[in-house]
């Protein structure tokens, strides 16, 4: 889906490679989940699998690897399996709501070749001590 910047209406994007996107998903998901688990994350899929593979990585233990390390490990795994997984120079990691960081990995060797890409969002690591301190502060404010 894309959203028109003028009228804000959602419409389907034309796509000639949706079949290949689904094939890449079937090939990649197990190895990517294995890498994510090794790095301390759970990896989920959302979206239509039409133009891209939307992944969300959620820290599953406090000793989870930093977000950029996970992203690079996943990128290298995609590259080993598909042959190409590159970030465009004009498409750096982007900060998103709730502290997540989004990465896009393109499976086409050149920008002028259309093809599936991986859209990865990684949630931040929140330590249980931070959550406990925040909860205590909130409860103190309620008592006042």
N, C-alpha and C. Protein backbone atom coordinates (compact mmCIF):
# COMPACT_ATOMS: atom_id res chain seq x y z
N UNK A 1 0.84 -1.18 0.00
CA UNK A 1 0.00 0.00 0.00
C UNK A 1 0.88 1.24 0.00
N UNK A 2 0.40 2.23 -0.69
CA UNK A 2 1.07 3.52 -0.63
C UNK A 2 0.02 4.58 -0.31
N UNK A 3 0.46 5.69 0.22
CA UNK A 3 -0.44 6.77 0.59
C UNK A 3 -0.10 7.99 -0.26
N UNK A 4 -1.10 8.51 -0.94
CA UNK A 4 -0.92 9.71 -1.75
C UNK A 4 -0.57 10.88 -0.83
N UNK A 5 0.50 11.58 -1.13
CA UNK A 5 0.95 12.70 -0.30
C UNK A 5 0.03 13.91 -0.40
N UNK A 6 -0.79 13.97 -1.45
CA UNK A 6 -1.70 15.10 -1.63
C UNK A 6 -3.04 14.85 -0.94
N UNK A 7 -3.69 13.70 -1.24
CA UNK A 7 -5.04 13.47 -0.72
C UNK A 7 -5.09 12.44 0.41
N UNK A 8 -3.97 11.81 0.72
CA UNK A 8 -3.87 10.83 1.82
C UNK A 8 -4.71 9.57 1.58
N UNK A 9 -5.04 9.25 0.35
CA UNK A 9 -5.80 8.04 0.02
C UNK A 9 -4.83 6.89 -0.18
N UNK A 10 -5.18 5.73 0.42
CA UNK A 10 -4.36 4.53 0.27
C UNK A 10 -4.69 3.83 -1.05
N UNK A 11 -3.68 3.34 -1.74
CA UNK A 11 -3.91 2.59 -2.97
C UNK A 11 -2.83 1.52 -3.11
N UNK A 12 -3.16 0.48 -3.84
CA UNK A 12 -2.21 -0.61 -4.10
C UNK A 12 -1.09 -0.10 -5.01
N UNK A 13 0.12 -0.51 -4.68
CA UNK A 13 1.24 -0.21 -5.56
C UNK A 13 1.32 -1.30 -6.63
N UNK A 14 1.55 -0.93 -7.87
CA UNK A 14 1.74 -1.98 -8.88
C UNK A 14 3.03 -2.74 -8.57
N UNK A 15 2.99 -4.05 -8.73
CA UNK A 15 4.17 -4.85 -8.41
C UNK A 15 4.26 -6.04 -9.36
N UNK A 16 5.41 -6.17 -9.99
CA UNK A 16 5.62 -7.29 -10.93
C UNK A 16 6.41 -8.43 -10.30
N UNK A 17 6.81 -8.29 -9.05
CA UNK A 17 7.67 -9.29 -8.44
C UNK A 17 7.11 -9.86 -7.12
N UNK A 18 5.81 -9.78 -6.90
CA UNK A 18 5.24 -10.25 -5.63
C UNK A 18 5.46 -11.75 -5.43
N UNK A 19 5.45 -12.51 -6.52
CA UNK A 19 5.71 -13.96 -6.39
C UNK A 19 7.13 -14.22 -5.86
N UNK A 20 8.09 -13.46 -6.38
CA UNK A 20 9.47 -13.60 -5.93
C UNK A 20 9.62 -13.18 -4.46
N UNK A 21 8.87 -12.15 -4.04
CA UNK A 21 8.91 -11.71 -2.64
C UNK A 21 8.49 -12.86 -1.72
N UNK A 22 7.43 -13.55 -2.07
CA UNK A 22 6.95 -14.68 -1.26
C UNK A 22 7.97 -15.83 -1.26
N UNK A 23 8.62 -16.05 -2.40
CA UNK A 23 9.66 -17.09 -2.48
C UNK A 23 10.83 -16.74 -1.56
N UNK A 24 11.26 -15.48 -1.61
CA UNK A 24 12.35 -15.05 -0.74
C UNK A 24 11.97 -15.22 0.73
N UNK A 25 10.74 -14.88 1.06
CA UNK A 25 10.27 -15.05 2.44
C UNK A 25 10.41 -16.50 2.88
N UNK A 26 9.91 -17.42 2.06
CA UNK A 26 9.98 -18.85 2.43
C UNK A 26 11.42 -19.33 2.58
N UNK A 27 12.31 -18.82 1.77
CA UNK A 27 13.72 -19.21 1.82
C UNK A 27 14.43 -18.59 3.03
N UNK A 28 14.10 -17.35 3.36
CA UNK A 28 14.86 -16.59 4.36
C UNK A 28 14.38 -16.72 5.80
N UNK A 29 13.10 -16.94 6.03
CA UNK A 29 12.56 -16.74 7.37
C UNK A 29 13.22 -17.63 8.43
N UNK A 30 13.45 -18.90 8.15
CA UNK A 30 14.07 -19.77 9.18
C UNK A 30 15.50 -19.34 9.52
N UNK A 31 16.36 -19.13 8.52
CA UNK A 31 17.71 -18.68 8.87
C UNK A 31 17.73 -17.32 9.59
N UNK A 32 16.85 -16.41 9.19
CA UNK A 32 16.82 -15.09 9.84
C UNK A 32 16.34 -15.21 11.28
N UNK A 33 15.36 -16.05 11.52
CA UNK A 33 14.90 -16.25 12.90
C UNK A 33 15.99 -16.88 13.75
N UNK A 34 16.77 -17.78 13.17
CA UNK A 34 17.88 -18.40 13.89
C UNK A 34 18.92 -17.34 14.29
N UNK A 35 19.28 -16.48 13.36
CA UNK A 35 20.26 -15.42 13.64
C UNK A 35 19.71 -14.47 14.71
N UNK A 36 18.44 -14.08 14.58
CA UNK A 36 17.83 -13.18 15.56
C UNK A 36 17.83 -13.81 16.95
N UNK A 37 17.48 -15.07 17.03
CA UNK A 37 17.46 -15.75 18.33
C UNK A 37 18.86 -15.80 18.94
N UNK A 38 19.87 -16.08 18.13
CA UNK A 38 21.26 -16.07 18.61
C UNK A 38 21.65 -14.71 19.17
N UNK A 39 21.08 -13.65 18.60
CA UNK A 39 21.39 -12.29 19.04
C UNK A 39 20.47 -11.82 20.16
N UNK A 40 19.53 -12.67 20.60
CA UNK A 40 18.66 -12.32 21.71
C UNK A 40 17.34 -11.67 21.33
N UNK A 41 16.89 -11.88 20.10
CA UNK A 41 15.67 -11.27 19.60
C UNK A 41 14.68 -12.32 19.10
N UNK A 42 13.40 -11.98 19.14
CA UNK A 42 12.37 -12.73 18.44
C UNK A 42 12.08 -11.96 17.15
N UNK A 43 11.84 -12.69 16.08
CA UNK A 43 11.64 -12.06 14.78
C UNK A 43 10.26 -12.42 14.24
N UNK A 44 9.44 -11.39 13.99
CA UNK A 44 8.09 -11.60 13.47
C UNK A 44 7.94 -10.99 12.10
N UNK A 45 6.90 -11.43 11.40
CA UNK A 45 6.61 -10.95 10.06
C UNK A 45 5.25 -10.28 10.06
N UNK A 46 5.13 -9.17 9.37
CA UNK A 46 3.83 -8.51 9.20
C UNK A 46 3.78 -7.94 7.80
N UNK A 47 2.60 -7.64 7.32
CA UNK A 47 2.48 -7.07 5.99
C UNK A 47 2.02 -8.10 4.97
N UNK A 48 1.93 -7.65 3.74
CA UNK A 48 1.32 -8.46 2.68
C UNK A 48 2.31 -9.37 1.94
N UNK A 49 3.60 -9.16 2.11
CA UNK A 49 4.63 -9.89 1.36
C UNK A 49 4.47 -9.66 -0.14
N UNK A 50 4.05 -8.48 -0.50
CA UNK A 50 3.86 -8.18 -1.92
C UNK A 50 5.13 -7.55 -2.50
N UNK A 51 5.48 -6.37 -2.02
CA UNK A 51 6.66 -5.68 -2.56
C UNK A 51 7.87 -5.87 -1.65
N UNK A 52 7.61 -6.14 -0.37
CA UNK A 52 8.72 -6.28 0.57
C UNK A 52 8.37 -7.30 1.65
N UNK A 53 9.37 -7.64 2.42
CA UNK A 53 9.22 -8.53 3.57
C UNK A 53 9.38 -7.66 4.81
N UNK A 54 8.27 -7.41 5.49
CA UNK A 54 8.28 -6.57 6.69
C UNK A 54 8.60 -7.43 7.90
N UNK A 55 9.70 -7.14 8.56
CA UNK A 55 10.12 -7.89 9.75
C UNK A 55 10.18 -6.96 10.96
N UNK A 56 9.83 -7.51 12.11
CA UNK A 56 9.96 -6.76 13.37
C UNK A 56 10.77 -7.62 14.33
N UNK A 57 11.85 -7.06 14.85
CA UNK A 57 12.70 -7.76 15.81
C UNK A 57 12.48 -7.16 17.19
N UNK A 58 12.19 -8.04 18.15
CA UNK A 58 11.89 -7.61 19.52
C UNK A 58 12.91 -8.25 20.45
N UNK A 59 13.60 -7.45 21.29
CA UNK A 59 14.56 -8.04 22.23
C UNK A 59 13.84 -9.05 23.13
N UNK A 60 14.45 -10.21 23.30
CA UNK A 60 13.82 -11.27 24.08
C UNK A 60 14.58 -11.57 25.37
N UNK A 61 15.74 -10.97 25.49
CA UNK A 61 16.50 -11.10 26.74
C UNK A 61 17.31 -9.82 26.94
N UNK A 62 17.65 -9.56 28.19
CA UNK A 62 18.36 -8.30 28.49
C UNK A 62 19.76 -8.26 27.90
N UNK A 63 20.31 -9.42 27.61
CA UNK A 63 21.66 -9.45 27.03
C UNK A 63 21.61 -9.43 25.50
N UNK A 64 20.51 -8.98 24.93
CA UNK A 64 20.39 -8.92 23.47
C UNK A 64 21.46 -8.01 22.89
N UNK A 65 21.88 -8.33 21.69
CA UNK A 65 22.91 -7.55 20.99
C UNK A 65 22.36 -6.17 20.62
N UNK A 66 23.23 -5.20 20.42
CA UNK A 66 22.79 -3.87 19.98
C UNK A 66 22.04 -3.96 18.64
N UNK A 67 21.15 -3.00 18.41
CA UNK A 67 20.32 -2.99 17.21
C UNK A 67 21.14 -3.04 15.92
N UNK A 68 22.20 -2.24 15.84
CA UNK A 68 22.98 -2.20 14.60
C UNK A 68 23.71 -3.52 14.35
N UNK A 69 24.13 -4.21 15.43
CA UNK A 69 24.78 -5.51 15.27
C UNK A 69 23.79 -6.52 14.69
N UNK A 70 22.57 -6.57 15.25
CA UNK A 70 21.55 -7.48 14.74
C UNK A 70 21.27 -7.19 13.27
N UNK A 71 21.09 -5.93 12.94
CA UNK A 71 20.79 -5.56 11.55
C UNK A 71 21.87 -6.04 10.60
N UNK A 72 23.12 -5.87 10.97
CA UNK A 72 24.22 -6.29 10.11
C UNK A 72 24.29 -7.82 9.99
N UNK A 73 24.04 -8.53 11.09
CA UNK A 73 24.03 -10.00 11.05
C UNK A 73 22.91 -10.51 10.14
N UNK A 74 21.74 -9.89 10.22
CA UNK A 74 20.64 -10.28 9.35
C UNK A 74 20.95 -9.94 7.90
N UNK A 75 21.53 -8.76 7.66
CA UNK A 75 21.89 -8.36 6.30
C UNK A 75 22.88 -9.34 5.68
N UNK A 76 23.89 -9.73 6.45
CA UNK A 76 24.89 -10.68 5.94
C UNK A 76 24.26 -12.04 5.62
N UNK A 77 23.31 -12.46 6.44
CA UNK A 77 22.63 -13.73 6.20
C UNK A 77 21.81 -13.67 4.91
N UNK A 78 21.09 -12.57 4.71
CA UNK A 78 20.32 -12.38 3.48
C UNK A 78 21.26 -12.42 2.28
N UNK A 79 22.37 -11.72 2.39
CA UNK A 79 23.35 -11.66 1.30
C UNK A 79 23.91 -13.05 0.98
N UNK A 80 24.19 -13.85 2.00
CA UNK A 80 24.71 -15.20 1.77
C UNK A 80 23.71 -16.08 1.04
N UNK A 81 22.44 -15.89 1.32
CA UNK A 81 21.40 -16.75 0.73
C UNK A 81 20.93 -16.24 -0.62
N UNK A 82 20.64 -14.95 -0.73
CA UNK A 82 20.07 -14.37 -1.95
C UNK A 82 21.15 -13.90 -2.92
N UNK A 83 22.28 -13.46 -2.38
CA UNK A 83 23.37 -12.97 -3.23
C UNK A 83 23.61 -11.48 -3.09
N UNK A 84 22.57 -10.75 -2.74
CA UNK A 84 22.68 -9.31 -2.55
C UNK A 84 21.76 -8.88 -1.42
N UNK A 85 22.27 -8.02 -0.55
CA UNK A 85 21.47 -7.38 0.49
C UNK A 85 22.18 -6.09 0.83
N UNK A 86 21.80 -5.05 0.15
CA UNK A 86 22.52 -3.79 0.30
C UNK A 86 21.61 -2.69 0.81
N UNK A 87 22.24 -1.75 1.48
CA UNK A 87 21.55 -0.54 1.90
C UNK A 87 21.90 0.54 0.89
N UNK A 88 20.91 1.31 0.49
CA UNK A 88 21.17 2.42 -0.43
C UNK A 88 21.81 3.55 0.35
N UNK A 89 22.70 4.28 -0.31
CA UNK A 89 23.37 5.42 0.32
C UNK A 89 22.37 6.47 0.79
N UNK A 90 21.28 6.64 0.03
CA UNK A 90 20.30 7.66 0.37
C UNK A 90 19.16 7.11 1.25
N UNK A 91 19.35 5.93 1.82
CA UNK A 91 18.32 5.30 2.64
C UNK A 91 18.94 4.74 3.93
N UNK A 92 19.44 5.62 4.80
CA UNK A 92 20.08 5.15 6.03
C UNK A 92 19.04 4.63 7.03
N UNK A 93 19.47 3.94 8.09
CA UNK A 93 18.53 3.53 9.15
C UNK A 93 17.75 4.75 9.65
N UNK A 94 16.47 4.54 9.94
CA UNK A 94 15.58 5.64 10.30
C UNK A 94 14.97 5.40 11.67
N UNK A 95 14.93 6.45 12.50
CA UNK A 95 14.26 6.36 13.79
C UNK A 95 12.76 6.41 13.57
N UNK A 96 12.05 5.52 14.25
CA UNK A 96 10.60 5.41 14.13
C UNK A 96 9.97 5.55 15.51
N UNK A 97 8.62 5.61 15.58
CA UNK A 97 7.95 5.72 16.88
C UNK A 97 8.32 4.57 17.83
N UNK A 98 8.23 4.83 19.11
CA UNK A 98 8.49 3.85 20.18
C UNK A 98 9.95 3.42 20.25
N UNK A 99 10.86 4.19 19.66
CA UNK A 99 12.28 3.91 19.76
C UNK A 99 12.80 2.89 18.78
N UNK A 100 11.95 2.40 17.89
CA UNK A 100 12.45 1.40 16.95
C UNK A 100 13.27 2.07 15.85
N UNK A 101 14.14 1.28 15.25
CA UNK A 101 14.96 1.75 14.15
C UNK A 101 14.65 0.87 12.94
N UNK A 102 14.43 1.51 11.79
CA UNK A 102 14.07 0.79 10.58
C UNK A 102 15.25 0.77 9.60
N UNK A 103 15.47 -0.42 9.04
CA UNK A 103 16.51 -0.64 8.04
C UNK A 103 15.84 -1.21 6.79
N UNK A 104 16.36 -0.87 5.62
CA UNK A 104 15.89 -1.47 4.38
C UNK A 104 17.07 -2.12 3.69
N UNK A 105 16.90 -3.39 3.33
CA UNK A 105 17.92 -4.15 2.61
C UNK A 105 17.37 -4.54 1.25
N UNK A 106 18.05 -4.14 0.21
CA UNK A 106 17.59 -4.36 -1.16
C UNK A 106 18.27 -5.58 -1.75
N UNK A 107 17.47 -6.44 -2.39
CA UNK A 107 18.00 -7.69 -2.93
C UNK A 107 18.33 -7.58 -4.41
N UNK A 108 18.12 -6.41 -4.99
CA UNK A 108 18.49 -6.17 -6.39
C UNK A 108 19.90 -5.58 -6.41
N UNK A 109 20.71 -5.99 -7.36
CA UNK A 109 22.09 -5.48 -7.39
C UNK A 109 22.19 -4.00 -7.75
N UNK A 110 21.16 -3.45 -8.43
CA UNK A 110 21.19 -2.05 -8.85
C UNK A 110 19.86 -1.38 -8.57
N UNK A 111 19.88 -0.08 -8.37
CA UNK A 111 18.65 0.67 -8.07
C UNK A 111 17.64 0.64 -9.22
N UNK A 112 18.13 0.48 -10.46
CA UNK A 112 17.21 0.52 -11.60
C UNK A 112 16.52 -0.82 -11.85
N UNK A 113 16.82 -1.84 -11.04
CA UNK A 113 16.17 -3.15 -11.16
C UNK A 113 15.20 -3.31 -10.00
N UNK A 114 13.92 -3.46 -10.32
CA UNK A 114 12.90 -3.63 -9.27
C UNK A 114 12.98 -5.04 -8.70
N UNK A 115 12.76 -5.14 -7.42
CA UNK A 115 12.78 -6.46 -6.79
C UNK A 115 12.44 -6.36 -5.34
N UNK A 116 12.23 -7.51 -4.70
CA UNK A 116 11.87 -7.53 -3.28
C UNK A 116 12.94 -6.87 -2.42
N UNK A 117 12.49 -6.30 -1.32
CA UNK A 117 13.43 -5.78 -0.34
C UNK A 117 12.93 -6.15 1.05
N UNK A 118 13.84 -6.08 2.00
CA UNK A 118 13.51 -6.41 3.38
C UNK A 118 13.41 -5.11 4.16
N UNK A 119 12.29 -4.93 4.83
CA UNK A 119 12.05 -3.75 5.67
C UNK A 119 12.08 -4.25 7.11
N UNK A 120 13.14 -3.97 7.82
CA UNK A 120 13.38 -4.48 9.18
C UNK A 120 13.21 -3.37 10.21
N UNK A 121 12.35 -3.60 11.19
CA UNK A 121 12.22 -2.68 12.33
C UNK A 121 12.72 -3.40 13.57
N UNK A 122 13.59 -2.73 14.33
CA UNK A 122 14.15 -3.33 15.55
C UNK A 122 13.74 -2.48 16.74
N UNK A 123 13.07 -3.12 17.69
CA UNK A 123 12.65 -2.44 18.91
C UNK A 123 13.86 -2.25 19.82
N UNK A 124 13.85 -1.19 20.63
CA UNK A 124 14.98 -0.94 21.53
C UNK A 124 15.01 -1.94 22.69
N UNK A 125 16.18 -2.11 23.25
CA UNK A 125 16.34 -2.95 24.44
C UNK A 125 15.96 -2.10 25.65
N UNK A 126 15.06 -2.60 26.46
CA UNK A 126 14.65 -1.92 27.69
C UNK A 126 15.03 -2.84 28.83
N UNK A 127 15.90 -2.38 29.68
CA UNK A 127 16.35 -3.18 30.82
C UNK A 127 15.26 -3.22 31.89
N UNK A 128 15.15 -4.34 32.59
CA UNK A 128 14.11 -4.47 33.62
C UNK A 128 14.33 -3.46 34.74
N UNK A 129 15.57 -3.09 35.03
CA UNK A 129 15.85 -2.06 36.05
C UNK A 129 15.23 -0.73 35.63
N UNK A 130 15.31 -0.40 34.33
CA UNK A 130 14.73 0.85 33.83
C UNK A 130 13.21 0.83 33.98
N UNK A 131 12.60 -0.30 33.68
CA UNK A 131 11.15 -0.44 33.81
C UNK A 131 10.75 -0.32 35.28
N UNK A 132 11.51 -0.98 36.17
CA UNK A 132 11.22 -0.94 37.60
C UNK A 132 11.31 0.49 38.13
N UNK A 133 12.38 1.21 37.76
CA UNK A 133 12.55 2.60 38.21
C UNK A 133 11.42 3.49 37.71
N UNK A 134 11.02 3.29 36.45
CA UNK A 134 9.95 4.10 35.89
C UNK A 134 8.63 3.80 36.60
N UNK A 135 8.38 2.53 36.90
CA UNK A 135 7.16 2.14 37.61
C UNK A 135 7.13 2.76 39.00
N UNK A 136 8.27 2.72 39.70
CA UNK A 136 8.34 3.30 41.04
C UNK A 136 8.09 4.80 41.01
N UNK A 137 8.63 5.50 40.01
CA UNK A 137 8.43 6.94 39.89
C UNK A 137 6.97 7.25 39.62
N UNK A 138 6.33 6.45 38.77
CA UNK A 138 4.92 6.66 38.46
C UNK A 138 4.06 6.44 39.71
N UNK A 139 4.37 5.41 40.47
CA UNK A 139 3.59 5.12 41.68
C UNK A 139 3.78 6.23 42.73
N UNK A 140 4.99 6.77 42.82
CA UNK A 140 5.25 7.86 43.76
C UNK A 140 4.45 9.10 43.38
N UNK A 141 4.38 9.41 42.09
CA UNK A 141 3.61 10.56 41.61
C UNK A 141 2.12 10.38 41.93
N UNK A 142 1.60 9.16 41.80
CA UNK A 142 0.20 8.89 42.10
C UNK A 142 -0.11 9.13 43.58
N UNK A 143 0.85 8.78 44.45
CA UNK A 143 0.65 8.95 45.91
C UNK A 143 0.64 10.42 46.30
N UNK A 144 1.38 11.25 45.57
CA UNK A 144 1.46 12.69 45.88
C UNK A 144 0.19 13.35 45.52
